[in-house]
C-alpha atoms as a PDB file:
ATOM      1  CA  MET A   1    -146.839-173.514-147.617  1.00  0.00           C
ATOM      2  CA  ASN A   2    -146.108-177.151-148.417  1.00  0.00           C
ATOM      3  CA  ARG A   3    -143.755-177.348-145.418  1.00  0.00           C
ATOM      4  CA  LEU A   4    -146.533-176.060-143.145  1.00  0.00           C
ATOM      5  CA  ALA A   5    -148.954-178.692-144.492  1.00  0.00           C
ATOM      6  CA  TYR A   6    -146.457-181.478-143.792  1.00  0.00           C
ATOM      7  CA  LEU A   7    -146.175-180.259-140.206  1.00  0.00           C
ATOM      8  CA  LEU A   8    -149.944-179.968-139.674  1.00  0.00           C
ATOM      9  CA  VAL A   9    -151.026-183.362-141.083  1.00  0.00           C
ATOM     10  CA  PRO A  10    -149.283-185.520-138.409  1.00  0.00           C
ATOM     11  CA  LEU A  11    -150.604-183.204-135.713  1.00  0.00           C
ATOM     12  CA  LEU A  12    -154.191-183.555-136.971  1.00  0.00           C
ATOM     13  CA  LEU A  13    -153.895-187.347-137.209  1.00  0.00           C
ATOM     14  CA  ALA A  14    -152.564-187.555-133.663  1.00  0.00           C
ATOM     15  CA  VAL A  15    -155.482-185.497-132.346  1.00  0.00           C
ATOM     16  CA  ALA A  16    -157.986-187.629-134.272  1.00  0.00           C
ATOM     17  CA  GLY A  17    -156.424-190.810-132.930  1.00  0.00           C
ATOM     18  CA  CYS A  18    -156.741-189.654-129.333  1.00  0.00           C
ATOM     19  CA  THR A  19    -160.383-188.756-129.849  1.00  0.00           C
ATOM     20  CA  VAL A  20    -161.226-192.217-131.211  1.00  0.00           C
ATOM     21  CA  SER A  21    -159.284-194.081-128.521  1.00  0.00           C
ATOM     22  CA  GLU A  22    -161.152-192.277-125.743  1.00  0.00           C
ATOM     23  CA  GLU A  23    -164.463-193.910-126.746  1.00  0.00           C
ATOM     24  CA  PRO A  24    -164.833-197.601-125.737  1.00  0.00           C
ATOM     25  CA  PRO A  25    -166.009-200.043-128.419  1.00  0.00           C
ATOM     26  CA  ALA A  26    -169.770-200.451-128.622  1.00  0.00           C
ATOM     27  CA  GLY A  27    -169.715-204.200-127.866  1.00  0.00           C
ATOM     28  CA  PRO A  28    -168.042-204.139-124.429  1.00  0.00           C
ATOM     29  CA  ALA A  29    -169.925-200.988-123.476  1.00  0.00           C
ATOM     30  CA  ALA A  30    -173.245-202.624-124.314  1.00  0.00           C
ATOM     31  CA  ALA A  31    -172.272-205.740-122.361  1.00  0.00           C
ATOM     32  CA  THR A  32    -171.359-203.619-119.353  1.00  0.00           C
ATOM     33  CA  ARG A  33    -174.699-201.810-119.498  1.00  0.00           C
ATOM     34  CA  ALA A  34    -176.534-205.164-119.669  1.00  0.00           C
ATOM     35  CA  ALA A  35    -174.613-206.448-116.658  1.00  0.00           C
ATOM     36  CA  GLU A  36    -175.541-203.312-114.694  1.00  0.00           C
ATOM     37  CA  ARG A  37    -179.290-203.814-115.258  1.00  0.00           C
ATOM     38  CA  PRO A  38    -181.099-205.666-112.459  1.00  0.00           C
ATOM     39  CA  SER A  39    -181.869-209.281-113.298  1.00  0.00           C
ATOM     40  CA  PRO A  40    -185.494-209.995-114.248  1.00  0.00           C
ATOM     41  CA  PHE A  41    -185.243-213.495-112.767  1.00  0.00           C
ATOM     42  CA  ALA A  42    -185.906-214.569-109.184  1.00  0.00           C
ATOM     43  CA  ASP A  43    -183.154-215.548-106.793  1.00  0.00           C
ATOM     44  CA  CYS A  44    -182.231-219.252-106.611  1.00  0.00           C
ATOM     45  CA  ALA A  45    -182.170-219.502-102.800  1.00  0.00           C
ATOM     46  CA  THR A  46    -185.617-221.145-102.722  1.00  0.00           C
ATOM     47  CA  LEU A  47    -184.658-223.976-105.071  1.00  0.00           C
ATOM     48  CA  THR A  48    -183.275-226.162-102.285  1.00  0.00           C
ATOM     49  CA  THR A  49    -186.378-225.678-100.099  1.00  0.00           C
ATOM     50  CA  PRO A  50    -189.411-227.912-100.749  1.00  0.00           C
ATOM     51  CA  PRO A  51    -192.505-226.103-102.064  1.00  0.00           C
ATOM     52  CA  ALA A  52    -194.866-225.136 -99.226  1.00  0.00           C
ATOM     53  CA  SER A  53    -197.580-227.633-100.138  1.00  0.00           C
ATOM     54  CA  ALA A  54    -195.654-230.060-102.316  1.00  0.00           C
ATOM     55  CA  ALA A  55    -197.519-233.125-103.495  1.00  0.00           C
ATOM     56  CA  PRO A  56    -195.903-236.484-102.724  1.00  0.00           C
ATOM     57  CA  ALA A  57    -194.234-238.333-105.562  1.00  0.00           C
ATOM     58  CA  PRO A  58    -196.824-240.232-107.612  1.00  0.00           C
ATOM     59  CA  SER A  59    -196.740-244.000-107.516  1.00  0.00           C
ATOM     60  CA  GLY A  60    -195.447-245.954-110.460  1.00  0.00           C
ATOM     61  CA  THR A  61    -192.123-246.328-112.211  1.00  0.00           C
ATOM     62  CA  ARG A  62    -189.435-244.166-110.642  1.00  0.00           C
ATOM     63  CA  GLY A  63    -186.991-242.332-112.836  1.00  0.00           C
ATOM     64  CA  ASP A  64    -183.315-241.494-112.474  1.00  0.00           C
ATOM     65  CA  PRO A  65    -182.120-238.780-110.092  1.00  0.00           C
ATOM     66  CA  LEU A  66    -181.011-235.450-111.515  1.00  0.00           C
ATOM     67  CA  PRO A  67    -177.400-235.402-112.759  1.00  0.00           C
ATOM     68  CA  GLU A  68    -174.563-234.657-110.349  1.00  0.00           C
ATOM     69  CA  LEU A  69    -174.004-231.178-111.741  1.00  0.00           C
ATOM     70  CA  THR A  70    -173.660-227.796-110.071  1.00  0.00           C
ATOM     71  CA  LEU A  71    -174.903-224.743-111.967  1.00  0.00           C
ATOM     72  CA  SER A  72    -174.553-221.049-111.192  1.00  0.00           C
ATOM     73  CA  CYS A  73    -177.573-218.817-110.587  1.00  0.00           C
ATOM     74  CA  PHE A  74    -178.236-215.970-113.018  1.00  0.00           C
ATOM     75  CA  THR A  75    -178.644-213.537-110.117  1.00  0.00           C
ATOM     76  CA  GLY A  76    -175.385-214.642-108.449  1.00  0.00           C
ATOM     77  CA  GLY A  77    -174.933-216.169-105.033  1.00  0.00           C
ATOM     78  CA  ALA A  78    -173.923-219.729-104.253  1.00  0.00           C
ATOM     79  CA  PRO A  79    -173.929-222.272-107.114  1.00  0.00           C
ATOM     80  CA  VAL A  80    -176.767-224.819-106.943  1.00  0.00           C
ATOM     81  CA  PRO A  81    -176.123-228.592-107.031  1.00  0.00           C
ATOM     82  CA  LEU A  82    -178.934-230.114-109.095  1.00  0.00           C
ATOM     83  CA  ARG A  83    -179.222-233.034-106.675  1.00  0.00           C
ATOM     84  CA  ASP A  84    -180.172-230.482-103.985  1.00  0.00           C
ATOM     85  CA  LEU A  85    -183.173-229.156-105.936  1.00  0.00           C
ATOM     86  CA  LYS A  86    -186.431-229.860-104.145  1.00  0.00           C
ATOM     87  CA  GLY A  87    -189.300-231.100-106.237  1.00  0.00           C
ATOM     88  CA  PRO A  88    -191.822-231.358-107.528  1.00  0.00           C
ATOM     89  CA  ALA A  89    -190.314-229.176-110.230  1.00  0.00           C
ATOM     90  CA  VAL A  90    -190.684-228.350-113.904  1.00  0.00           C
ATOM     91  CA  ILE A  91    -187.322-227.488-115.458  1.00  0.00           C
ATOM     92  CA  ASN A  92    -187.239-225.573-118.737  1.00  0.00           C
ATOM     93  CA  VAL A  93    -183.972-225.640-120.728  1.00  0.00           C
ATOM     94  CA  TRP A  94    -183.855-222.750-123.192  1.00  0.00           C
ATOM     95  CA  ALA A  95    -181.748-220.192-125.065  1.00  0.00           C
ATOM     96  CA  SER A  96    -182.564-216.741-126.404  1.00  0.00           C
ATOM     97  CA  TRP A  97    -181.526-217.708-129.963  1.00  0.00           C
ATOM     98  CA  CYS A  98    -184.069-220.597-130.052  1.00  0.00           C
ATOM     99  CA  PRO A  99    -187.438-219.496-131.576  1.00  0.00           C
ATOM    100  CA  PRO A 100    -189.530-222.327-129.974  1.00  0.00           C
ATOM    101  CA  CYS A 101    -187.953-221.454-126.599  1.00  0.00           C
ATOM    102  CA  ARG A 102    -189.058-217.849-126.917  1.00  0.00           C
ATOM    103  CA  LYS A 103    -192.523-218.966-127.983  1.00  0.00           C
ATOM    104  CA  GLU A 104    -193.104-221.156-124.912  1.00  0.00           C
ATOM    105  CA  LEU A 105    -191.465-219.004-122.199  1.00  0.00           C
ATOM    106  CA  PRO A 106    -194.658-217.010-121.436  1.00  0.00           C
ATOM    107  CA  ALA A 107    -196.494-220.305-120.807  1.00  0.00           C
ATOM    108  CA  PHE A 108    -193.811-221.341-118.307  1.00  0.00           C
ATOM    109  CA  GLN A 109    -194.148-217.975-116.567  1.00  0.00           C
ATOM    110  CA  ARG A 110    -197.917-218.481-116.289  1.00  0.00           C
ATOM    111  CA  LEU A 111    -197.317-222.022-115.000  1.00  0.00           C
ATOM    112  CA  SER A 112    -195.039-220.653-112.277  1.00  0.00           C
ATOM    113  CA  GLU A 113    -197.800-218.240-111.228  1.00  0.00           C
ATOM    114  CA  ARG A 114    -200.313-221.116-111.048  1.00  0.00           C
ATOM    115  CA  ALA A 115    -197.993-223.418-109.094  1.00  0.00           C
ATOM    116  CA  ALA A 116    -199.341-222.007-105.799  1.00  0.00           C
ATOM    117  CA  GLY A 117    -196.591-223.568-103.684  1.00  0.00           C
ATOM    118  CA  ARG A 118    -197.252-227.093-105.001  1.00  0.00           C
ATOM    119  CA  PHE A 119    -194.240-227.291-107.341  1.00  0.00           C
ATOM    120  CA  GLN A 120    -191.416-225.117-108.637  1.00  0.00           C
ATOM    121  CA  VAL A 121    -190.728-223.835-112.146  1.00  0.00           C
ATOM    122  CA  ILE A 122    -187.002-223.521-112.819  1.00  0.00           C
ATOM    123  CA  GLY A 123    -185.175-222.271-115.898  1.00  0.00           C
ATOM    124  CA  VAL A 124    -181.828-223.475-117.202  1.00  0.00           C
ATOM    125  CA  ASN A 125    -180.391-220.982-119.682  1.00  0.00           C
ATOM    126  CA  SER A 126    -178.008-223.002-121.868  1.00  0.00           C
ATOM    127  CA  GLN A 127    -175.372-222.072-124.484  1.00  0.00           C
ATOM    128  CA  ASP A 128    -176.422-218.436-124.393  1.00  0.00           C
ATOM    129  CA  SER A 129    -175.099-214.955-123.675  1.00  0.00           C
ATOM    130  CA  ARG A 130    -176.026-213.136-120.496  1.00  0.00           C
ATOM    131  CA  GLY A 131    -177.256-210.138-122.463  1.00  0.00           C
ATOM    132  CA  GLY A 132    -179.473-212.281-124.694  1.00  0.00           C
ATOM    133  CA  ALA A 133    -181.017-214.138-121.759  1.00  0.00           C
ATOM    134  CA  GLN A 134    -181.579-210.943-119.803  1.00  0.00           C
ATOM    135  CA  SER A 135    -183.263-209.198-122.740  1.00  0.00           C
ATOM    136  CA  ILE A 136    -185.644-212.114-123.310  1.00  0.00           C
ATOM    137  CA  GLY A 137    -186.422-212.280-119.585  1.00  0.00           C
ATOM    138  CA  GLU A 138    -187.255-208.582-119.579  1.00  0.00           C
ATOM    139  CA  ASP A 139    -189.248-208.650-122.827  1.00  0.00           C
ATOM    140  CA  PHE A 140    -191.331-211.702-121.871  1.00  0.00           C
ATOM    141  CA  GLY A 141    -191.740-210.929-118.164  1.00  0.00           C
ATOM    142  CA  VAL A 142    -190.016-214.138-117.036  1.00  0.00           C
ATOM    143  CA  ARG A 143    -189.585-214.063-113.261  1.00  0.00           C
ATOM    144  CA  PHE A 144    -188.928-217.640-112.104  1.00  0.00           C
ATOM    145  CA  PRO A 145    -185.420-218.643-110.888  1.00  0.00           C
ATOM    146  CA  MET A 146    -182.822-219.122-113.607  1.00  0.00           C
ATOM    147  CA  LEU A 147    -179.774-221.389-113.540  1.00  0.00           C
ATOM    148  CA  VAL A 148    -176.996-220.981-116.113  1.00  0.00           C
ATOM    149  CA  ASP A 149    -175.395-223.805-118.108  1.00  0.00           C
ATOM    150  CA  GLN A 150    -172.766-222.061-120.218  1.00  0.00           C
ATOM    151  CA  GLY A 151    -172.151-225.193-122.250  1.00  0.00           C
ATOM    152  CA  ASP A 152    -174.567-228.079-122.647  1.00  0.00           C
ATOM    153  CA  ALA A 153    -173.552-230.151-119.602  1.00  0.00           C
ATOM    154  CA  PHE A 154    -177.138-230.651-118.409  1.00  0.00           C
ATOM    155  CA  GLU A 155    -178.367-231.906-121.774  1.00  0.00           C
ATOM    156  CA  ARG A 156    -175.345-234.178-122.201  1.00  0.00           C
ATOM    157  CA  ALA A 157    -175.898-235.651-118.740  1.00  0.00           C
ATOM    158  CA  LEU A 158    -179.515-236.395-119.701  1.00  0.00           C
ATOM    159  CA  GLU A 159    -178.385-237.705-123.101  1.00  0.00           C
ATOM    160  CA  ARG A 160    -180.835-235.336-124.756  1.00  0.00           C
ATOM    161  CA  LYS A 161    -179.684-232.865-127.392  1.00  0.00           C
ATOM    162  CA  ALA A 162    -182.717-230.674-127.922  1.00  0.00           C
ATOM    163  CA  PHE A 163    -184.007-227.112-127.596  1.00  0.00           C
ATOM    164  CA  PRO A 164    -186.275-226.483-125.883  1.00  0.00           C
ATOM    165  CA  LEU A 165    -186.195-229.293-123.323  1.00  0.00           C
ATOM    166  CA  THR A 166    -188.583-229.746-120.392  1.00  0.00           C
ATOM    167  CA  VAL A 167    -187.787-232.014-117.439  1.00  0.00           C
ATOM    168  CA  LEU A 168    -190.380-232.968-114.803  1.00  0.00           C
ATOM    169  CA  VAL A 169    -188.970-233.949-111.409  1.00  0.00           C
ATOM    170  CA  ASP A 170    -191.020-235.451-108.568  1.00  0.00           C
ATOM    171  CA  ALA A 171    -190.871-234.705-104.841  1.00  0.00           C
ATOM    172  CA  ASP A 172    -188.132-237.322-104.390  1.00  0.00           C
ATOM    173  CA  GLY A 173    -185.885-235.597-106.942  1.00  0.00           C
ATOM    174  CA  ARG A 174    -186.467-238.269-109.580  1.00  0.00           C
ATOM    175  CA  ILE A 175    -186.952-237.476-113.263  1.00  0.00           C
ATOM    176  CA  ARG A 176    -190.455-238.582-114.245  1.00  0.00           C
ATOM    177  CA  HIS A 177    -190.487-237.296-117.825  1.00  0.00           C
ATOM    178  CA  THR A 178    -188.483-235.318-120.381  1.00  0.00           C
ATOM    179  CA  ASP A 179    -190.183-233.570-123.285  1.00  0.00           C
ATOM    180  CA  SER A 180    -188.517-232.301-126.456  1.00  0.00           C
ATOM    181  CA  THR A 181    -191.533-232.107-128.766  1.00  0.00           C
ATOM    182  CA  GLY A 182    -191.225-228.368-129.392  1.00  0.00           C
ATOM    183  CA  ALA A 183    -192.867-225.279-127.956  1.00  0.00           C
ATOM    184  CA  LEU A 184    -195.332-226.188-125.187  1.00  0.00           C
ATOM    185  CA  ASP A 185    -198.509-224.228-124.504  1.00  0.00           C
ATOM    186  CA  ASP A 186    -200.571-223.842-121.316  1.00  0.00           C
ATOM    187  CA  ALA A 187    -202.784-226.872-121.969  1.00  0.00           C
ATOM    188  CA  ARG A 188    -199.888-229.198-122.773  1.00  0.00           C
ATOM    189  CA  LEU A 189    -197.926-228.066-119.708  1.00  0.00           C
ATOM    190  CA  ALA A 190    -200.967-228.614-117.470  1.00  0.00           C
ATOM    191  CA  GLU A 191    -201.365-232.106-118.949  1.00  0.00           C
ATOM    192  CA  LEU A 192    -197.701-233.000-118.330  1.00  0.00           C
ATOM    193  CA  VAL A 193    -197.812-231.725-114.735  1.00  0.00           C
ATOM    194  CA  ARG A 194    -201.004-233.673-113.999  1.00  0.00           C
ATOM    195  CA  LYS A 195    -199.785-236.871-115.635  1.00  0.00           C
ATOM    196  CA  HIS A 196    -196.221-236.977-114.320  1.00  0.00           C
ATOM    197  CA  LEU A 197    -196.346-234.979-111.064  1.00  0.00           C
ATOM    198  CA  GLY A 198    -199.908-235.686-109.975  1.00  0.00           C
ATOM    199  CA  VAL A 199    -200.790-231.995-109.667  1.00  0.00           C
ATOM    200  CA  GLU A 200    -203.849-230.382-111.226  1.00  0.00           C
ATOM    201  CA  VAL A 201    -203.191-227.005-112.884  1.00  0.00           C
ATOM    202  CA  ARG A 202    -205.893-224.926-114.508  1.00  0.00           C
ATOM    203  CA  SER A 203    -204.716-223.741-117.913  1.00  0.00           C
END
């Protein structure tokens, strides 16, 4: 009887091992499923085309041009050189792990809906995972185009280390203002757009 047990134990372990190895780990499987879901964000092809009824750059002190960086688009396609972006534009730098970012994202989505071809709203997802960004985009109904900065190259180029970060760019591609005061609401965004881009937005 003992000899039979010794023969059966290795056989049972071998069968158990095969069963376990046939199932992929949960992490990679979940990542694959996230990658297979359609992106909630818009395509980036429009970012290098001026808004239909873009306002001219306001008079006054002109800022620096956008950094000479090229970022990939969340939906794929050709990478986008930041210097090729056509303003006016409001750029929101965010990450899914940042609570103030999550708080203000719905206001940026509403701003993009109120832009009415006068300016663009652009996201830069920074230092984040694709799955995290996609989940937040789906949960909050974020639809504007999304660039991806896997590190923090954009923030370093602006010499601003902050989350969230909002950058307002005029029709000439010049930075008129950067804001890192925390989560912005509809009224504050409308005020920034009016003051720095010369565009009235009803909040």
